[in-house]
Amino acid sequence: MFVLANFIGALTIVIQWALTIYLYVIIARAVISWVNPDPYNPIVQFLHRATDPVLYQIRKRVPMMGGVDISPIIAIMIIFFLQAFLVATLGEIAARLGAAANTRPF
């Protein structure tokens, strides 16, 4: 059981880091949208390629609010929810599996 607990614990850390990095990518995308970025800049192209699939799905479901795109805000709220719910739940599962593995007399 301790192997499964360690695997879930490691998975929890990886998911937490991935969500945090993606959060910063979305924030960077939102910040560069305030200026007129060069569309041929590799950084701008990366930000668009990395965030367009998620933001497009949100834009399909949420209408524009007076010409303001709120899809990055919704994406950030979804990331916060996943960090608070999914990561915390996986961490708790790993902790309980680890505690259960430590209580067995072998």
PDB file of N, CA and C in Angstrom:
ATOM      1  N   MET A   1       0.807  -1.203   0.000  1.00  0.00           N
ATOM      2  CA  MET A   1       0.000   0.000   0.000  1.00  0.00           C
ATOM      3  C   MET A   1       0.849   1.266   0.000  1.00  0.00           C
ATOM      4  N   PHE A   2       2.038   1.178   0.596  1.00  0.00           N
ATOM      5  CA  PHE A   2       2.858   2.378   0.661  1.00  0.00           C
ATOM      6  C   PHE A   2       3.311   2.824  -0.730  1.00  0.00           C
ATOM      7  N   VAL A   3       3.432   1.869  -1.669  1.00  0.00           N
ATOM      8  CA  VAL A   3       3.817   2.227  -3.035  1.00  0.00           C
ATOM      9  C   VAL A   3       2.706   3.046  -3.678  1.00  0.00           C
ATOM     10  N   LEU A   4       1.468   2.606  -3.496  1.00  0.00           N
ATOM     11  CA  LEU A   4       0.329   3.346  -4.038  1.00  0.00           C
ATOM     12  C   LEU A   4       0.219   4.721  -3.379  1.00  0.00           C
ATOM     13  N   ALA A   5       0.455   4.782  -2.074  1.00  0.00           N
ATOM     14  CA  ALA A   5       0.411   6.067  -1.367  1.00  0.00           C
ATOM     15  C   ALA A   5       1.495   7.003  -1.883  1.00  0.00           C
ATOM     16  N   ASN A   6       2.695   6.493  -2.112  1.00  0.00           N
ATOM     17  CA  ASN A   6       3.766   7.329  -2.647  1.00  0.00           C
ATOM     18  C   ASN A   6       3.473   7.770  -4.073  1.00  0.00           C
ATOM     19  N   PHE A   7       2.890   6.866  -4.878  1.00  0.00           N
ATOM     20  CA  PHE A   7       2.536   7.224  -6.250  1.00  0.00           C
ATOM     21  C   PHE A   7       1.494   8.338  -6.276  1.00  0.00           C
ATOM     22  N   ILE A   8       0.454   8.202  -5.472  1.00  0.00           N
ATOM     23  CA  ILE A   8      -0.597   9.227  -5.438  1.00  0.00           C
ATOM     24  C   ILE A   8      -0.041  10.532  -4.877  1.00  0.00           C
ATOM     25  N   GLY A   9       0.832  10.448  -3.894  1.00  0.00           N
ATOM     26  CA  GLY A   9       1.459  11.655  -3.357  1.00  0.00           C
ATOM     27  C   GLY A   9       2.297  12.372  -4.402  1.00  0.00           C
ATOM     28  N   ALA A  10       3.068  11.613  -5.172  1.00  0.00           N
ATOM     29  CA  ALA A  10       3.875  12.211  -6.239  1.00  0.00           C
ATOM     30  C   ALA A  10       2.991  12.786  -7.335  1.00  0.00           C
ATOM     31  N   LEU A  11       1.922  12.061  -7.679  1.00  0.00           N
ATOM     32  CA  LEU A  11       0.977  12.559  -8.678  1.00  0.00           C
ATOM     33  C   LEU A  11       0.338  13.866  -8.225  1.00  0.00           C
ATOM     34  N   THR A  12       0.046  13.964  -6.946  1.00  0.00           N
ATOM     35  CA  THR A  12      -0.519  15.185  -6.383  1.00  0.00           C
ATOM     36  C   THR A  12       0.429  16.365  -6.574  1.00  0.00           C
ATOM     37  N   ILE A  13       1.700  16.143  -6.312  1.00  0.00           N
ATOM     38  CA  ILE A  13       2.691  17.218  -6.462  1.00  0.00           C
ATOM     39  C   ILE A  13       2.816  17.640  -7.920  1.00  0.00           C
ATOM     40  N   VAL A  14       2.841  16.673  -8.822  1.00  0.00           N
ATOM     41  CA  VAL A  14       2.962  16.988 -10.256  1.00  0.00           C
ATOM     42  C   VAL A  14       1.744  17.769 -10.745  1.00  0.00           C
ATOM     43  N   ILE A  15       0.565  17.350 -10.336  1.00  0.00           N
ATOM     44  CA  ILE A  15      -0.653  18.062 -10.744  1.00  0.00           C
ATOM     45  C   ILE A  15      -0.655  19.477 -10.185  1.00  0.00           C
ATOM     46  N   GLN A  16      -0.249  19.639  -8.929  1.00  0.00           N
ATOM     47  CA  GLN A  16      -0.191  20.972  -8.317  1.00  0.00           C
ATOM     48  C   GLN A  16       0.744  21.888  -9.109  1.00  0.00           C
ATOM     49  N   TRP A  17       1.941  21.391  -9.444  1.00  0.00           N
ATOM     50  CA  TRP A  17       2.903  22.198 -10.203  1.00  0.00           C
ATOM     51  C   TRP A  17       2.389  22.508 -11.604  1.00  0.00           C
ATOM     52  N   ALA A  18       1.780  21.519 -12.268  1.00  0.00           N
ATOM     53  CA  ALA A  18       1.261  21.739 -13.623  1.00  0.00           C
ATOM     54  C   ALA A  18       0.161  22.796 -13.621  1.00  0.00           C
ATOM     55  N   LEU A  19      -0.727  22.720 -12.635  1.00  0.00           N
ATOM     56  CA  LEU A  19      -1.793  23.722 -12.551  1.00  0.00           C
ATOM     57  C   LEU A  19      -1.231  25.111 -12.255  1.00  0.00           C
ATOM     58  N   THR A  20      -0.233  25.190 -11.409  1.00  0.00           N
ATOM     59  CA  THR A  20       0.376  26.479 -11.086  1.00  0.00           C
ATOM     60  C   THR A  20       1.072  27.081 -12.304  1.00  0.00           C
ATOM     61  N   ILE A  21       1.819  26.259 -13.031  1.00  0.00           N
ATOM     62  CA  ILE A  21       2.494  26.757 -14.233  1.00  0.00           C
ATOM     63  C   ILE A  21       1.481  27.205 -15.270  1.00  0.00           C
ATOM     64  N   TYR A  22       0.412  26.418 -15.454  1.00  0.00           N
ATOM     65  CA  TYR A  22      -0.615  26.798 -16.430  1.00  0.00           C
ATOM     66  C   TYR A  22      -1.333  28.079 -16.001  1.00  0.00           C
ATOM     67  N   LEU A  23      -1.493  28.274 -14.707  1.00  0.00           N
ATOM     68  CA  LEU A  23      -2.071  29.509 -14.195  1.00  0.00           C
ATOM     69  C   LEU A  23      -1.237  30.713 -14.633  1.00  0.00           C
ATOM     70  N   TYR A  24       0.083  30.605 -14.491  1.00  0.00           N
ATOM     71  CA  TYR A  24       0.961  31.703 -14.901  1.00  0.00           C
ATOM     72  C   TYR A  24       0.961  31.900 -16.411  1.00  0.00           C
ATOM     73  N   VAL A  25       0.806  30.829 -17.168  1.00  0.00           N
ATOM     74  CA  VAL A  25       0.730  30.961 -18.628  1.00  0.00           C
ATOM     75  C   VAL A  25      -0.540  31.718 -19.017  1.00  0.00           C
ATOM     76  N   ILE A  26      -1.645  31.410 -18.371  1.00  0.00           N
ATOM     77  CA  ILE A  26      -2.894  32.125 -18.664  1.00  0.00           C
ATOM     78  C   ILE A  26      -2.778  33.592 -18.265  1.00  0.00           C
ATOM     79  N   ILE A  27      -2.169  33.864 -17.131  1.00  0.00           N
ATOM     80  CA  ILE A  27      -1.979  35.256 -16.706  1.00  0.00           C
ATOM     81  C   ILE A  27      -1.093  35.986 -17.708  1.00  0.00           C
ATOM     82  N   ALA A  28      -0.020  35.351 -18.170  1.00  0.00           N
ATOM     83  CA  ALA A  28       0.850  35.984 -19.169  1.00  0.00           C
ATOM     84  C   ALA A  28       0.091  36.251 -20.453  1.00  0.00           C
ATOM     85  N   ARG A  29      -0.758  35.326 -20.865  1.00  0.00           N
ATOM     86  CA  ARG A  29      -1.569  35.523 -22.075  1.00  0.00           C
ATOM     87  C   ARG A  29      -2.502  36.715 -21.903  1.00  0.00           C
ATOM     88  N   ALA A  30      -3.112  36.842 -20.740  1.00  0.00           N
ATOM     89  CA  ALA A  30      -4.019  37.954 -20.500  1.00  0.00           C
ATOM     90  C   ALA A  30      -3.269  39.284 -20.490  1.00  0.00           C
ATOM     91  N   VAL A  31      -2.078  39.298 -19.908  1.00  0.00           N
ATOM     92  CA  VAL A  31      -1.296  40.542 -19.839  1.00  0.00           C
ATOM     93  C   VAL A  31      -0.838  40.982 -21.231  1.00  0.00           C
ATOM     94  N   ILE A  32      -0.382  40.040 -22.063  1.00  0.00           N
ATOM     95  CA  ILE A  32       0.067  40.458 -23.392  1.00  0.00           C
ATOM     96  C   ILE A  32      -1.089  40.870 -24.292  1.00  0.00           C
ATOM     97  N   SER A  33      -2.300  40.471 -23.930  1.00  0.00           N
ATOM     98  CA  SER A  33      -3.443  40.894 -24.746  1.00  0.00           C
ATOM     99  C   SER A  33      -3.762  42.379 -24.544  1.00  0.00           C
ATOM    100  N   TRP A  34      -3.213  42.980 -23.507  1.00  0.00           N
ATOM    101  CA  TRP A  34      -3.449  44.399 -23.267  1.00  0.00           C
ATOM    102  C   TRP A  34      -2.649  45.282 -24.222  1.00  0.00           C
ATOM    103  N   VAL A  35      -1.577  44.730 -24.778  1.00  0.00           N
ATOM    104  CA  VAL A  35      -0.759  45.468 -25.734  1.00  0.00           C
ATOM    105  C   VAL A  35      -0.945  44.826 -27.102  1.00  0.00           C
ATOM    106  N   ASN A  36      -0.294  45.381 -28.101  1.00  0.00           N
ATOM    107  CA  ASN A  36      -0.378  44.813 -29.439  1.00  0.00           C
ATOM    108  C   ASN A  36       0.884  43.982 -29.684  1.00  0.00           C
ATOM    109  N   PRO A  37       0.867  42.683 -29.295  1.00  0.00           N
ATOM    110  CA  PRO A  37       2.092  41.884 -29.418  1.00  0.00           C
ATOM    111  C   PRO A  37       2.348  41.475 -30.866  1.00  0.00           C
ATOM    112  N   ASP A  38       3.600  41.228 -31.164  1.00  0.00           N
ATOM    113  CA  ASP A  38       3.980  40.734 -32.482  1.00  0.00           C
ATOM    114  C   ASP A  38       3.503  39.286 -32.605  1.00  0.00           C
ATOM    115  N   PRO A  39       2.611  38.978 -33.547  1.00  0.00           N
ATOM    116  CA  PRO A  39       2.089  37.609 -33.635  1.00  0.00           C
ATOM    117  C   PRO A  39       3.137  36.587 -34.073  1.00  0.00           C
ATOM    118  N   TYR A  40       4.281  37.039 -34.585  1.00  0.00           N
ATOM    119  CA  TYR A  40       5.326  36.120 -35.021  1.00  0.00           C
ATOM    120  C   TYR A  40       6.378  35.865 -33.934  1.00  0.00           C
ATOM    121  N   ASN A  41       6.220  36.521 -32.799  1.00  0.00           N
ATOM    122  CA  ASN A  41       7.131  36.295 -31.681  1.00  0.00           C
ATOM    123  C   ASN A  41       6.909  34.880 -31.152  1.00  0.00           C
ATOM    124  N   PRO A  42       7.980  34.105 -30.961  1.00  0.00           N
ATOM    125  CA  PRO A  42       7.806  32.719 -30.498  1.00  0.00           C
ATOM    126  C   PRO A  42       7.130  32.603 -29.129  1.00  0.00           C
ATOM    127  N   ILE A  43       7.373  33.562 -28.257  1.00  0.00           N
ATOM    128  CA  ILE A  43       6.729  33.523 -26.938  1.00  0.00           C
ATOM    129  C   ILE A  43       5.228  33.736 -27.074  1.00  0.00           C
ATOM    130  N   VAL A  44       4.838  34.691 -27.893  1.00  0.00           N
ATOM    131  CA  VAL A  44       3.416  34.965 -28.115  1.00  0.00           C
ATOM    132  C   VAL A  44       2.748  33.759 -28.774  1.00  0.00           C
ATOM    133  N   GLN A  45       3.419  33.143 -29.736  1.00  0.00           N
ATOM    134  CA  GLN A  45       2.867  31.962 -30.383  1.00  0.00           C
ATOM    135  C   GLN A  45       2.701  30.817 -29.387  1.00  0.00           C
ATOM    136  N   PHE A  46       3.694  30.631 -28.512  1.00  0.00           N
ATOM    137  CA  PHE A  46       3.584  29.589 -27.494  1.00  0.00           C
ATOM    138  C   PHE A  46       2.401  29.841 -26.564  1.00  0.00           C
ATOM    139  N   LEU A  47       2.258  31.090 -26.111  1.00  0.00           N
ATOM    140  CA  LEU A  47       1.160  31.410 -25.197  1.00  0.00           C
ATOM    141  C   LEU A  47      -0.189  31.158 -25.859  1.00  0.00           C
ATOM    142  N   HIS A  48      -0.306  31.500 -27.112  1.00  0.00           N
ATOM    143  CA  HIS A  48      -1.567  31.268 -27.824  1.00  0.00           C
ATOM    144  C   HIS A  48      -1.819  29.773 -28.010  1.00  0.00           C
ATOM    145  N   ARG A  49      -0.798  29.019 -28.407  1.00  0.00           N
ATOM    146  CA  ARG A  49      -0.974  27.577 -28.608  1.00  0.00           C
ATOM    147  C   ARG A  49      -1.282  26.855 -27.298  1.00  0.00           C
ATOM    148  N   ALA A  50      -0.700  27.327 -26.215  1.00  0.00           N
ATOM    149  CA  ALA A  50      -0.895  26.662 -24.925  1.00  0.00           C
ATOM    150  C   ALA A  50      -2.251  26.966 -24.299  1.00  0.00           C
ATOM    151  N   THR A  51      -2.787  28.143 -24.562  1.00  0.00           N
ATOM    152  CA  THR A  51      -4.030  28.540 -23.887  1.00  0.00           C
ATOM    153  C   THR A  51      -5.265  28.516 -24.774  1.00  0.00           C
ATOM    154  N   ASP A  52      -5.102  28.541 -26.081  1.00  0.00           N
ATOM    155  CA  ASP A  52      -6.267  28.593 -26.973  1.00  0.00           C
ATOM    156  C   ASP A  52      -7.239  27.428 -26.788  1.00  0.00           C
ATOM    157  N   PRO A  53      -6.776  26.174 -26.646  1.00  0.00           N
ATOM    158  CA  PRO A  53      -7.759  25.092 -26.496  1.00  0.00           C
ATOM    159  C   PRO A  53      -8.672  25.269 -25.281  1.00  0.00           C
ATOM    160  N   VAL A  54      -8.118  25.664 -24.161  1.00  0.00           N
ATOM    161  CA  VAL A  54      -8.925  25.828 -22.944  1.00  0.00           C
ATOM    162  C   VAL A  54      -9.800  27.072 -23.051  1.00  0.00           C
ATOM    163  N   LEU A  55      -9.219  28.178 -23.450  1.00  0.00           N
ATOM    164  CA  LEU A  55      -9.984  29.423 -23.525  1.00  0.00           C
ATOM    165  C   LEU A  55     -11.072  29.355 -24.595  1.00  0.00           C
ATOM    166  N   TYR A  56     -10.824  28.627 -25.687  1.00  0.00           N
ATOM    167  CA  TYR A  56     -11.836  28.478 -26.726  1.00  0.00           C
ATOM    168  C   TYR A  56     -13.055  27.739 -26.191  1.00  0.00           C
ATOM    169  N   GLN A  57     -12.818  26.669 -25.412  1.00  0.00           N
ATOM    170  CA  GLN A  57     -13.931  25.920 -24.838  1.00  0.00           C
ATOM    171  C   GLN A  57     -14.762  26.789 -23.891  1.00  0.00           C
ATOM    172  N   ILE A  58     -14.090  27.648 -23.146  1.00  0.00           N
ATOM    173  CA  ILE A  58     -14.815  28.545 -22.232  1.00  0.00           C
ATOM    174  C   ILE A  58     -15.576  29.597 -23.028  1.00  0.00           C
ATOM    175  N   ARG A  59     -14.945  30.150 -24.061  1.00  0.00           N
ATOM    176  CA  ARG A  59     -15.608  31.180 -24.891  1.00  0.00           C
ATOM    177  C   ARG A  59     -16.845  30.639 -25.574  1.00  0.00           C
ATOM    178  N   LYS A  60     -16.854  29.355 -25.933  1.00  0.00           N
ATOM    179  CA  LYS A  60     -18.037  28.759 -26.563  1.00  0.00           C
ATOM    180  C   LYS A  60     -19.222  28.755 -25.614  1.00  0.00           C
ATOM    181  N   ARG A  61     -18.955  28.613 -24.331  1.00  0.00           N
ATOM    182  CA  ARG A  61     -20.029  28.459 -23.351  1.00  0.00           C
ATOM    183  C   ARG A  61     -20.421  29.754 -22.649  1.00  0.00           C
ATOM    184  N   VAL A  62     -19.499  30.727 -22.616  1.00  0.00           N
ATOM    185  CA  VAL A  62     -19.763  31.983 -21.906  1.00  0.00           C
ATOM    186  C   VAL A  62     -19.722  33.126 -22.915  1.00  0.00           C
ATOM    187  N   PRO A  63     -20.788  33.903 -22.984  1.00  0.00           N
ATOM    188  CA  PRO A  63     -20.781  35.012 -23.952  1.00  0.00           C
ATOM    189  C   PRO A  63     -19.855  36.149 -23.502  1.00  0.00           C
ATOM    190  N   MET A  64     -19.481  36.978 -24.463  1.00  0.00           N
ATOM    191  CA  MET A  64     -18.658  38.157 -24.154  1.00  0.00           C
ATOM    192  C   MET A  64     -19.474  39.106 -23.285  1.00  0.00           C
ATOM    193  N   MET A  65     -18.821  39.747 -22.341  1.00  0.00           N
ATOM    194  CA  MET A  65     -19.484  40.679 -21.438  1.00  0.00           C
ATOM    195  C   MET A  65     -19.155  42.107 -21.858  1.00  0.00           C
ATOM    196  N   GLY A  66     -19.941  42.657 -22.741  1.00  0.00           N
ATOM    197  CA  GLY A  66     -19.724  44.028 -23.176  1.00  0.00           C
ATOM    198  C   GLY A  66     -18.408  44.214 -23.914  1.00  0.00           C
ATOM    199  N   GLY A  67     -17.997  43.217 -24.685  1.00  0.00           N
ATOM    200  CA  GLY A  67     -16.754  43.309 -25.426  1.00  0.00           C
ATOM    201  C   GLY A  67     -15.526  42.909 -24.628  1.00  0.00           C
ATOM    202  N   VAL A  68     -15.713  42.491 -23.385  1.00  0.00           N
ATOM    203  CA  VAL A  68     -14.598  42.085 -22.534  1.00  0.00           C
ATOM    204  C   VAL A  68     -14.575  40.559 -22.480  1.00  0.00           C
ATOM    205  N   ASP A  69     -13.422  39.986 -22.751  1.00  0.00           N
ATOM    206  CA  ASP A  69     -13.253  38.535 -22.713  1.00  0.00           C
ATOM    207  C   ASP A  69     -12.947  38.117 -21.279  1.00  0.00           C
ATOM    208  N   ILE A  70     -13.890  37.403 -20.673  1.00  0.00           N
ATOM    209  CA  ILE A  70     -13.695  36.969 -19.287  1.00  0.00           C
ATOM    210  C   ILE A  70     -13.243  35.510 -19.204  1.00  0.00           C
ATOM    211  N   SER A  71     -12.930  34.903 -20.348  1.00  0.00           N
ATOM    212  CA  SER A  71     -12.527  33.493 -20.325  1.00  0.00           C
ATOM    213  C   SER A  71     -11.252  33.244 -19.516  1.00  0.00           C
ATOM    214  N   PRO A  72     -10.234  34.142 -19.523  1.00  0.00           N
ATOM    215  CA  PRO A  72      -9.084  33.880 -18.645  1.00  0.00           C
ATOM    216  C   PRO A  72      -9.453  33.889 -17.159  1.00  0.00           C
ATOM    217  N   ILE A  73     -10.372  34.744 -16.775  1.00  0.00           N
ATOM    218  CA  ILE A  73     -10.793  34.796 -15.371  1.00  0.00           C
ATOM    219  C   ILE A  73     -11.490  33.495 -14.983  1.00  0.00           C
ATOM    220  N   ILE A  74     -12.338  32.996 -15.863  1.00  0.00           N
ATOM    221  CA  ILE A  74     -13.031  31.739 -15.588  1.00  0.00           C
ATOM    222  C   ILE A  74     -12.037  30.581 -15.543  1.00  0.00           C
ATOM    223  N   ALA A  75     -11.056  30.585 -16.460  1.00  0.00           N
ATOM    224  CA  ALA A  75     -10.036  29.538 -16.454  1.00  0.00           C
ATOM    225  C   ALA A  75      -9.230  29.572 -15.155  1.00  0.00           C
ATOM    226  N   ILE A  76      -8.913  30.756 -14.672  1.00  0.00           N
ATOM    227  CA  ILE A  76      -8.175  30.883 -13.414  1.00  0.00           C
ATOM    228  C   ILE A  76      -9.020  30.375 -12.245  1.00  0.00           C
ATOM    229  N   MET A  77     -10.312  30.661 -12.256  1.00  0.00           N
ATOM    230  CA  MET A  77     -11.187  30.149 -11.195  1.00  0.00           C
ATOM    231  C   MET A  77     -11.271  28.627 -11.244  1.00  0.00           C
ATOM    232  N   ILE A  78     -11.294  28.059 -12.433  1.00  0.00           N
ATOM    233  CA  ILE A  78     -11.317  26.600 -12.568  1.00  0.00           C
ATOM    234  C   ILE A  78     -10.024  26.001 -12.027  1.00  0.00           C
ATOM    235  N   ILE A  79      -8.895  26.643 -12.321  1.00  0.00           N
ATOM    236  CA  ILE A  79      -7.615  26.153 -11.799  1.00  0.00           C
ATOM    237  C   ILE A  79      -7.592  26.221 -10.276  1.00  0.00           C
ATOM    238  N   PHE A  80      -8.081  27.315  -9.698  1.00  0.00           N
ATOM    239  CA  PHE A  80      -8.144  27.419  -8.235  1.00  0.00           C
ATOM    240  C   PHE A  80      -9.036  26.328  -7.645  1.00  0.00           C
ATOM    241  N   PHE A  81     -10.164  26.052  -8.309  1.00  0.00           N
ATOM    242  CA  PHE A  81     -11.048  24.986  -7.839  1.00  0.00           C
ATOM    243  C   PHE A  81     -10.336  23.638  -7.886  1.00  0.00           C
ATOM    244  N   LEU A  82      -9.650  23.357  -8.998  1.00  0.00           N
ATOM    245  CA  LEU A  82      -8.937  22.081  -9.114  1.00  0.00           C
ATOM    246  C   LEU A  82      -7.836  21.959  -8.069  1.00  0.00           C
ATOM    247  N   GLN A  83      -7.165  23.059  -7.774  1.00  0.00           N
ATOM    248  CA  GLN A  83      -6.131  23.017  -6.743  1.00  0.00           C
ATOM    249  C   GLN A  83      -6.738  22.784  -5.365  1.00  0.00           C
ATOM    250  N   ALA A  84      -7.870  23.414  -5.100  1.00  0.00           N
ATOM    251  CA  ALA A  84      -8.486  23.286  -3.777  1.00  0.00           C
ATOM    252  C   ALA A  84      -9.181  21.942  -3.605  1.00  0.00           C
ATOM    253  N   PHE A  85      -9.762  21.400  -4.667  1.00  0.00           N
ATOM    254  CA  PHE A  85     -10.526  20.163  -4.542  1.00  0.00           C
ATOM    255  C   PHE A  85      -9.710  18.938  -4.944  1.00  0.00           C
ATOM    256  N   LEU A  86      -9.268  18.892  -6.190  1.00  0.00           N
ATOM    257  CA  LEU A  86      -8.606  17.697  -6.712  1.00  0.00           C
ATOM    258  C   LEU A  86      -7.275  17.426  -6.017  1.00  0.00           C
ATOM    259  N   VAL A  87      -6.433  18.436  -5.928  1.00  0.00           N
ATOM    260  CA  VAL A  87      -5.113  18.252  -5.333  1.00  0.00           C
ATOM    261  C   VAL A  87      -5.242  17.932  -3.843  1.00  0.00           C
ATOM    262  N   ALA A  88      -6.133  18.628  -3.169  1.00  0.00           N
ATOM    263  CA  ALA A  88      -6.320  18.359  -1.737  1.00  0.00           C
ATOM    264  C   ALA A  88      -6.884  16.961  -1.511  1.00  0.00           C
ATOM    265  N   THR A  89      -7.810  16.525  -2.357  1.00  0.00           N
ATOM    266  CA  THR A  89      -8.390  15.189  -2.222  1.00  0.00           C
ATOM    267  C   THR A  89      -7.347  14.110  -2.470  1.00  0.00           C
ATOM    268  N   LEU A  90      -6.553  14.283  -3.522  1.00  0.00           N
ATOM    269  CA  LEU A  90      -5.498  13.301  -3.797  1.00  0.00           C
ATOM    270  C   LEU A  90      -4.469  13.259  -2.665  1.00  0.00           C
ATOM    271  N   GLY A  91      -4.138  14.416  -2.125  1.00  0.00           N
ATOM    272  CA  GLY A  91      -3.212  14.458  -0.993  1.00  0.00           C
ATOM    273  C   GLY A  91      -3.763  13.742   0.223  1.00  0.00           C
ATOM    274  N   GLU A  92      -5.038  13.912   0.475  1.00  0.00           N
ATOM    275  CA  GLU A  92      -5.673  13.234   1.612  1.00  0.00           C
ATOM    276  C   GLU A  92      -5.720  11.728   1.391  1.00  0.00           C
ATOM    277  N   ILE A  93      -6.012  11.315   0.165  1.00  0.00           N
ATOM    278  CA  ILE A  93      -6.016   9.880  -0.144  1.00  0.00           C
ATOM    279  C   ILE A  93      -4.629   9.297   0.074  1.00  0.00           C
ATOM    280  N   ALA A  94      -3.607   9.991  -0.398  1.00  0.00           N
ATOM    281  CA  ALA A  94      -2.229   9.509  -0.219  1.00  0.00           C
ATOM    282  C   ALA A  94      -1.871   9.436   1.263  1.00  0.00           C
ATOM    283  N   ALA A  95      -2.284  10.432   2.026  1.00  0.00           N
ATOM    284  CA  ALA A  95      -1.984  10.432   3.458  1.00  0.00           C
ATOM    285  C   ALA A  95      -2.684   9.273   4.169  1.00  0.00           C
ATOM    286  N   ARG A  96      -3.932   9.018   3.822  1.00  0.00           N
ATOM    287  CA  ARG A  96      -4.650   7.918   4.470  1.00  0.00           C
ATOM    288  C   ARG A  96      -4.099   6.560   4.067  1.00  0.00           C
ATOM    289  N   LEU A  97      -3.721   6.421   2.801  1.00  0.00           N
ATOM    290  CA  LEU A  97      -3.120   5.158   2.378  1.00  0.00           C
ATOM    291  C   LEU A  97      -1.774   4.958   3.053  1.00  0.00           C
ATOM    292  N   GLY A  98      -1.010   6.030   3.192  1.00  0.00           N
ATOM    293  CA  GLY A  98       0.272   5.938   3.882  1.00  0.00           C
ATOM    294  C   GLY A  98       0.111   5.606   5.343  1.00  0.00           C
ATOM    295  N   ALA A  99      -0.903   6.184   5.978  1.00  0.00           N
ATOM    296  CA  ALA A  99      -1.150   5.894   7.391  1.00  0.00           C
ATOM    297  C   ALA A  99      -1.641   4.466   7.558  1.00  0.00           C
ATOM    298  N   ALA A 100      -2.464   3.992   6.617  1.00  0.00           N
ATOM    299  CA  ALA A 100      -2.960   2.623   6.692  1.00  0.00           C
ATOM    300  C   ALA A 100      -1.811   1.637   6.488  1.00  0.00           C
ATOM    301  N   ALA A 101      -0.871   1.980   5.635  1.00  0.00           N
ATOM    302  CA  ALA A 101       0.270   1.090   5.395  1.00  0.00           C
ATOM    303  C   ALA A 101       1.187   1.041   6.613  1.00  0.00           C
ATOM    304  N   ASN A 102       1.266   2.138   7.362  1.00  0.00           N
ATOM    305  CA  ASN A 102       2.141   2.187   8.529  1.00  0.00           C
ATOM    306  C   ASN A 102       1.546   1.482   9.745  1.00  0.00           C
ATOM    307  N   THR A 103       0.257   1.221   9.759  1.00  0.00           N
ATOM    308  CA  THR A 103      -0.377   0.614  10.929  1.00  0.00           C
ATOM    309  C   THR A 103      -0.449  -0.902  10.830  1.00  0.00           C
ATOM    310  N   ARG A 104      -0.101  -1.467   9.684  1.00  0.00           N
ATOM    311  CA  ARG A 104      -0.190  -2.925   9.541  1.00  0.00           C
ATOM    312  C   ARG A 104       1.037  -3.599  10.175  1.00  0.00           C
ATOM    313  N   PRO A 105       0.797  -4.553  11.043  1.00  0.00           N
ATOM    314  CA  PRO A 105       1.937  -5.260  11.654  1.00  0.00           C
ATOM    315  C   PRO A 105       2.429  -6.390  10.744  1.00  0.00           C
ATOM    316  N   PHE A 106       3.625  -6.257  10.209  1.00  0.00           N
ATOM    317  CA  PHE A 106       4.198  -7.309   9.354  1.00  0.00           C
ATOM    318  C   PHE A 106       5.426  -7.857   9.984  1.00  0.00           C
TER     319      PHE A 106
END
